[in-house]
């Protein structure tokens, strides 16, 4: 009888163990499936980036290879774009893009930082509830609306003060880009300022510094890594903007801008305007323009990221 009882007890323990193991096995299988789904999603993103880069570079480098190739030097240093006469020069576009981006950063970064400081450190809560939604709304406005605003308001104002007969100009582009990058800079800078520990402010105020001195000598230096990151994203937005810029830049076929009142033709606008009907070498040259734009943005971003990392280490 005792032997039978022992056998029954062992069988019961075995059954209980199997019952416990089954949910664990099911859970492990579910976990593996979920991990596989996450891996596939991550790989899809990586493969998409690689595929886009490979395709753009393949199409963009094709016109400079082979017997009937176009001179890469003439392409990079040329100051005229005339596909009808087989002339493809983008140097003046590069210069225009650089000038427009620098101008937007010169005006946009100080305005964005000061606005973020006001929201995070000075403004009363009631006013913040009004300012913040306005900034968020500014971030959600489509770029074509910015372009329409530029055509209807900025261009006529520039035309009144311009020595040129038109208002489409580098100055108009800078004005619109400045407004467009503000939400990015303000939101990220504000988040960086709020992340600074309260002890920094208390220590500065305890040493006799005023509130303004505390902000500029203690809080902003502590948040400089986040502020530089906001600047990087702002530059990326300014360089990559297409529709709004295309509507107010003037887009000449040649000529390096020598004044803020001159027309410009940014790299993004050139691709957007002509890709829809281009074919043959013309289309390949537009892809080559995309390659130059891609390299330009990568160099700028990598440089600024390194500067940001060094600032964060200090």
Protein backbone atom coordinates (compact mmCIF):
# COMPACT_ATOMS: atom_id res chain seq x y z
CA UNK A 1 0.00 0.00 0.00
CA UNK A 2 2.81 2.38 0.90
CA UNK A 3 4.55 1.65 -2.41
CA UNK A 4 1.35 2.40 -4.30
CA UNK A 5 0.93 5.63 -2.34
CA UNK A 6 4.49 6.69 -3.17
CA UNK A 7 3.92 5.96 -6.84
CA UNK A 8 0.70 7.99 -6.81
CA UNK A 9 2.45 10.91 -5.04
CA UNK A 10 5.32 10.88 -7.57
CA UNK A 11 2.88 10.81 -10.45
CA UNK A 12 0.97 13.74 -8.93
CA UNK A 13 4.18 15.74 -8.52
CA UNK A 14 5.14 14.93 -12.12
CA UNK A 15 1.74 16.05 -13.40
CA UNK A 16 1.97 19.30 -11.41
CA UNK A 17 5.45 19.98 -12.78
CA UNK A 18 4.23 19.41 -16.33
CA UNK A 19 1.30 21.76 -15.72
CA UNK A 20 3.73 24.44 -14.46
CA UNK A 21 6.13 23.91 -17.39
CA UNK A 22 3.47 24.29 -20.07
CA UNK A 23 2.74 27.98 -19.33
CA UNK A 24 6.47 28.64 -19.19
CA UNK A 25 6.98 27.03 -22.58
CA UNK A 26 4.10 29.02 -24.05
CA UNK A 27 5.51 32.21 -22.55
CA UNK A 28 8.98 31.47 -23.98
CA UNK A 29 7.51 30.83 -27.43
CA UNK A 30 5.52 34.09 -27.28
CA UNK A 31 8.66 35.98 -26.19
CA UNK A 32 10.64 34.52 -29.08
CA UNK A 33 7.92 35.50 -31.56
CA UNK A 34 7.81 39.06 -30.21
CA UNK A 35 11.61 39.33 -30.31
CA UNK A 36 11.58 38.12 -33.91
CA UNK A 37 8.94 40.72 -34.84
CA UNK A 38 11.04 43.48 -33.24
CA UNK A 39 14.13 42.25 -35.07
CA UNK A 40 12.31 42.21 -38.41
CA UNK A 41 11.06 45.78 -37.83
CA UNK A 42 14.56 46.95 -36.98
CA UNK A 43 16.03 45.16 -40.00
CA UNK A 44 13.34 46.65 -42.26
CA UNK A 45 14.42 50.14 -41.19
CA UNK A 46 18.11 49.39 -41.72
CA UNK A 47 17.51 47.71 -45.07
CA UNK A 48 15.34 50.63 -46.22
CA UNK A 49 18.09 53.14 -45.42
CA UNK A 50 20.73 51.03 -47.14
CA UNK A 51 18.51 50.51 -50.19
CA UNK A 52 17.76 54.24 -50.53
CA UNK A 53 21.41 55.21 -50.18
CA UNK A 54 22.55 52.53 -52.63
CA UNK A 55 19.94 53.48 -55.23
CA UNK A 56 20.58 57.23 -55.01
CA UNK A 57 24.36 56.79 -55.21
CA UNK A 58 24.06 54.32 -58.09
CA UNK A 59 21.84 56.65 -60.10
CA UNK A 60 23.81 59.73 -59.07
CA UNK A 61 27.26 58.43 -59.98
CA UNK A 62 26.21 56.88 -63.31
CA UNK A 63 26.59 60.10 -65.41
CA UNK A 64 30.24 60.43 -64.37
CA UNK A 65 31.19 56.92 -65.47
CA UNK A 66 31.65 55.43 -68.94
CA UNK A 67 32.67 56.79 -72.33
CA UNK A 68 30.03 59.51 -72.55
CA UNK A 69 30.56 60.71 -68.98
CA UNK A 70 30.04 64.24 -67.70
CA UNK A 71 32.89 66.02 -65.94
CA UNK A 72 32.46 65.79 -62.17
CA UNK A 73 34.59 68.88 -61.74
CA UNK A 74 32.36 70.88 -64.07
CA UNK A 75 29.32 69.59 -62.19
CA UNK A 76 30.61 70.64 -58.75
CA UNK A 77 32.20 73.94 -59.74
CA UNK A 78 29.72 75.04 -62.41
CA UNK A 79 27.61 78.14 -61.87
CA UNK A 80 24.90 77.45 -64.43
CA UNK A 81 22.15 74.83 -64.72
CA UNK A 82 20.77 74.56 -68.25
CA UNK A 83 19.68 70.99 -69.10
CA UNK A 84 18.53 72.05 -72.59
CA UNK A 85 22.14 72.85 -73.50
CA UNK A 86 23.63 69.96 -71.53
CA UNK A 87 25.05 72.28 -68.86
CA UNK A 88 24.86 71.04 -65.27
CA UNK A 89 26.60 73.13 -62.63
CA UNK A 90 25.53 73.18 -58.98
CA UNK A 91 28.16 75.25 -57.19
CA UNK A 92 25.89 78.28 -57.04
CA UNK A 93 23.16 76.05 -55.59
CA UNK A 94 25.52 74.81 -52.87
CA UNK A 95 26.47 78.40 -52.02
CA UNK A 96 22.80 79.44 -51.92
CA UNK A 97 21.89 76.51 -49.65
CA UNK A 98 24.78 77.27 -47.29
CA UNK A 99 23.95 80.99 -47.11
CA UNK A 100 20.25 80.31 -46.46
CA UNK A 101 21.05 77.79 -43.70
CA UNK A 102 23.62 80.03 -42.02
CA UNK A 103 21.24 82.97 -42.12
CA UNK A 104 18.40 80.95 -40.60
CA UNK A 105 20.68 79.68 -37.83
CA UNK A 106 22.07 83.16 -37.07
CA UNK A 107 18.56 84.50 -36.49
CA UNK A 108 16.70 81.38 -35.41
CA UNK A 109 19.03 80.01 -32.72
CA UNK A 110 19.18 83.14 -30.51
CA UNK A 111 15.44 83.72 -30.82
CA UNK A 112 14.70 80.06 -30.08
CA UNK A 113 17.02 79.90 -27.05
CA UNK A 114 15.71 83.13 -25.52
CA UNK A 115 12.13 81.99 -26.06
CA UNK A 116 12.89 78.65 -24.40
CA UNK A 117 14.54 80.44 -21.46
CA UNK A 118 11.49 82.65 -21.04
CA UNK A 119 9.10 79.67 -21.09
CA UNK A 120 11.17 77.50 -18.76
CA UNK A 121 12.45 80.07 -16.28
CA UNK A 122 10.56 83.35 -16.36
CA UNK A 123 7.05 83.20 -17.81
CA UNK A 124 4.10 82.67 -15.43
CA UNK A 125 2.24 79.38 -15.82
CA UNK A 126 -0.84 81.07 -17.25
CA UNK A 127 1.16 82.62 -20.06
CA UNK A 128 3.05 79.39 -20.72
CA UNK A 129 -0.29 77.67 -21.36
CA UNK A 130 -0.85 80.17 -24.17
CA UNK A 131 2.66 80.21 -25.65
CA UNK A 132 3.26 76.45 -25.70
CA UNK A 133 0.23 75.53 -27.84
CA UNK A 134 1.15 78.30 -30.28
CA UNK A 135 4.66 76.88 -30.68
CA UNK A 136 3.29 73.35 -31.10
CA UNK A 137 0.86 74.63 -33.72
CA UNK A 138 3.76 76.31 -35.50
CA UNK A 139 5.51 72.94 -35.66
CA UNK A 140 2.46 71.28 -37.22
CA UNK A 141 1.88 73.75 -40.05
CA UNK A 142 2.68 72.17 -43.47
CA UNK A 143 5.68 73.63 -45.28
CA UNK A 144 3.54 74.63 -48.27
CA UNK A 145 1.59 76.96 -45.96
CA UNK A 146 4.86 78.56 -44.91
CA UNK A 147 5.63 78.99 -48.58
CA UNK A 148 2.25 80.57 -49.24
CA UNK A 149 2.81 82.94 -46.30
CA UNK A 150 6.22 83.79 -47.73
CA UNK A 151 4.77 84.53 -51.17
CA UNK A 152 1.91 86.62 -49.79
CA UNK A 153 3.68 88.49 -46.97
CA UNK A 154 7.48 88.12 -46.88
CA UNK A 155 8.17 88.53 -50.59
CA UNK A 156 6.13 91.78 -50.93
CA UNK A 157 7.86 93.22 -47.84
CA UNK A 158 11.29 92.32 -49.18
CA UNK A 159 10.35 93.79 -52.57
CA UNK A 160 9.70 97.16 -50.89
CA UNK A 161 13.24 97.40 -49.51
CA UNK A 162 15.09 95.50 -52.23
CA UNK A 163 17.15 97.24 -54.90
CA UNK A 164 16.21 94.36 -57.21
CA UNK A 165 12.94 94.33 -59.16
CA UNK A 166 11.67 91.24 -57.34
CA UNK A 167 11.07 90.09 -53.77
CA UNK A 168 12.06 86.44 -54.27
CA UNK A 169 15.48 86.37 -52.69
CA UNK A 170 17.93 84.92 -50.20
CA UNK A 171 16.52 87.26 -47.54
CA UNK A 172 12.98 85.92 -48.04
CA UNK A 173 14.26 82.35 -47.72
CA UNK A 174 16.15 83.19 -44.53
CA UNK A 175 13.06 84.78 -42.99
CA UNK A 176 10.83 81.78 -43.71
CA UNK A 177 13.43 79.21 -42.63
CA UNK A 178 14.00 81.11 -39.39
CA UNK A 179 10.33 80.76 -38.49
CA UNK A 180 10.27 77.10 -39.55
CA UNK A 181 13.17 76.00 -37.33
CA UNK A 182 11.95 77.85 -34.23
CA UNK A 183 9.65 75.07 -32.88
CA UNK A 184 12.44 72.48 -33.02
CA UNK A 185 14.95 74.70 -31.26
CA UNK A 186 12.49 76.02 -28.66
CA UNK A 187 11.06 72.64 -27.63
CA UNK A 188 14.41 70.84 -27.31
CA UNK A 189 16.11 73.76 -25.60
CA UNK A 190 13.26 74.10 -23.12
CA UNK A 191 13.48 70.39 -22.29
CA UNK A 192 17.25 70.71 -21.76
CA UNK A 193 16.84 73.72 -19.47
CA UNK A 194 14.18 71.98 -17.37
CA UNK A 195 16.50 68.96 -17.03
CA UNK A 196 19.14 71.07 -15.23
CA UNK A 197 19.01 70.15 -11.49
CA UNK A 198 17.46 72.68 -9.13
CA UNK A 199 20.63 72.62 -7.03
CA UNK A 200 22.47 74.54 -9.78
CA UNK A 201 20.02 77.41 -9.48
CA UNK A 202 20.00 77.33 -5.69
CA UNK A 203 23.79 77.35 -5.50
CA UNK A 204 24.05 80.28 -7.88
CA UNK A 205 21.37 82.29 -6.10
CA UNK A 206 22.94 81.42 -2.76
CA UNK A 207 26.22 82.95 -3.91
CA UNK A 208 24.45 86.24 -4.56
CA UNK A 209 23.85 85.97 -8.31
CA UNK A 210 20.71 87.50 -9.79
CA UNK A 211 18.13 85.43 -11.61
CA UNK A 212 19.44 86.62 -14.98
CA UNK A 213 23.03 85.81 -14.03
CA UNK A 214 21.94 82.39 -12.82
CA UNK A 215 20.22 81.66 -16.13
CA UNK A 216 23.13 82.71 -18.34
CA UNK A 217 26.04 81.60 -16.14
CA UNK A 218 24.72 78.44 -14.53
CA UNK A 219 21.64 77.04 -16.27
CA UNK A 220 22.49 77.54 -19.96
CA UNK A 221 26.10 76.25 -19.65
CA UNK A 222 24.73 73.13 -17.95
CA UNK A 223 22.21 72.65 -20.77
CA UNK A 224 24.61 73.38 -23.63
CA UNK A 225 24.69 69.78 -24.87
CA UNK A 226 20.92 69.76 -25.39
CA UNK A 227 21.02 73.24 -26.94
CA UNK A 228 23.64 72.12 -29.46
CA UNK A 229 21.52 69.05 -30.28
CA UNK A 230 18.57 71.36 -30.94
CA UNK A 231 20.80 73.43 -33.23
CA UNK A 232 21.82 70.30 -35.14
CA UNK A 233 18.18 69.37 -35.77
CA UNK A 234 17.40 72.96 -36.73
CA UNK A 235 20.19 72.94 -39.30
CA UNK A 236 18.90 69.65 -40.68
CA UNK A 237 15.42 71.14 -41.05
CA UNK A 238 16.79 74.25 -42.77
CA UNK A 239 18.98 72.33 -45.22
CA UNK A 240 16.32 69.79 -46.13
CA UNK A 241 13.36 72.16 -46.55
CA UNK A 242 12.01 72.11 -50.11
CA UNK A 243 8.50 73.32 -50.82
CA UNK A 244 8.48 76.59 -48.86
CA UNK A 245 11.94 77.53 -50.14
CA UNK A 246 11.09 76.68 -53.73
CA UNK A 247 8.14 79.08 -53.69
CA UNK A 248 10.13 82.15 -52.57
CA UNK A 249 13.75 81.60 -53.70
CA UNK A 250 13.41 82.75 -57.32
CA UNK A 251 15.33 79.69 -58.64
CA UNK A 252 17.61 81.27 -61.29
CA UNK A 253 19.47 79.09 -63.80
CA UNK A 254 22.83 80.48 -62.72
CA UNK A 255 24.79 83.03 -60.72
CA UNK A 256 26.38 82.98 -57.28
CA UNK A 257 24.42 85.23 -54.89
CA UNK A 258 26.40 88.33 -53.90
CA UNK A 259 23.63 90.00 -51.90
CA UNK A 260 20.79 88.94 -49.63
CA UNK A 261 18.45 90.42 -52.25
CA UNK A 262 19.67 88.04 -55.00
CA UNK A 263 17.66 85.03 -56.09
CA UNK A 264 18.96 81.59 -55.10
CA UNK A 265 18.31 78.03 -56.21
CA UNK A 266 18.84 75.59 -53.31
CA UNK A 267 19.76 71.98 -54.02
CA UNK A 268 16.44 70.69 -52.69
CA UNK A 269 14.42 73.03 -54.89
CA UNK A 270 16.37 72.01 -57.98
CA UNK A 271 15.53 68.35 -57.46
CA UNK A 272 11.89 69.00 -56.61
CA UNK A 273 11.17 71.27 -59.58
CA UNK A 274 12.59 69.10 -62.33
CA UNK A 275 12.46 65.46 -61.23
CA UNK A 276 8.85 65.07 -62.38
CA UNK A 277 9.62 65.55 -66.07
CA UNK A 278 13.38 64.85 -66.31
CA UNK A 279 14.76 61.86 -68.19
CA UNK A 280 18.08 60.48 -69.36
CA UNK A 281 21.16 62.42 -68.32
CA UNK A 282 19.01 65.23 -66.93
CA UNK A 283 17.41 62.84 -64.45
CA UNK A 284 20.76 61.28 -63.56
CA UNK A 285 22.16 64.74 -62.82
CA UNK A 286 19.28 65.40 -60.47
CA UNK A 287 20.15 62.19 -58.64
CA UNK A 288 23.76 63.40 -58.56
CA UNK A 289 22.48 66.60 -56.95
CA UNK A 290 20.78 64.40 -54.36
CA UNK A 291 24.08 62.62 -53.68
CA UNK A 292 25.82 65.96 -53.08
CA UNK A 293 22.99 67.08 -50.80
CA UNK A 294 23.15 63.81 -48.87
CA UNK A 295 26.92 64.05 -48.37
CA UNK A 296 26.62 67.71 -47.41
CA UNK A 297 24.00 66.99 -44.74
CA UNK A 298 25.95 64.01 -43.38
CA UNK A 299 29.18 66.03 -43.07
CA UNK A 300 27.37 68.87 -41.29
CA UNK A 301 25.52 66.51 -38.92
CA UNK A 302 28.58 64.42 -38.05
CA UNK A 303 30.63 67.55 -37.38
CA UNK A 304 27.97 69.08 -35.16
CA UNK A 305 27.34 65.79 -33.34
CA UNK A 306 31.04 65.54 -32.48
CA UNK A 307 30.98 69.11 -31.20
CA UNK A 308 27.88 68.30 -29.15
CA UNK A 309 29.49 65.19 -27.66
CA UNK A 310 32.60 67.14 -26.69
CA UNK A 311 30.45 69.82 -25.10
CA UNK A 312 28.58 67.13 -23.16
CA UNK A 313 31.85 65.59 -21.92
CA UNK A 314 33.03 68.95 -20.61
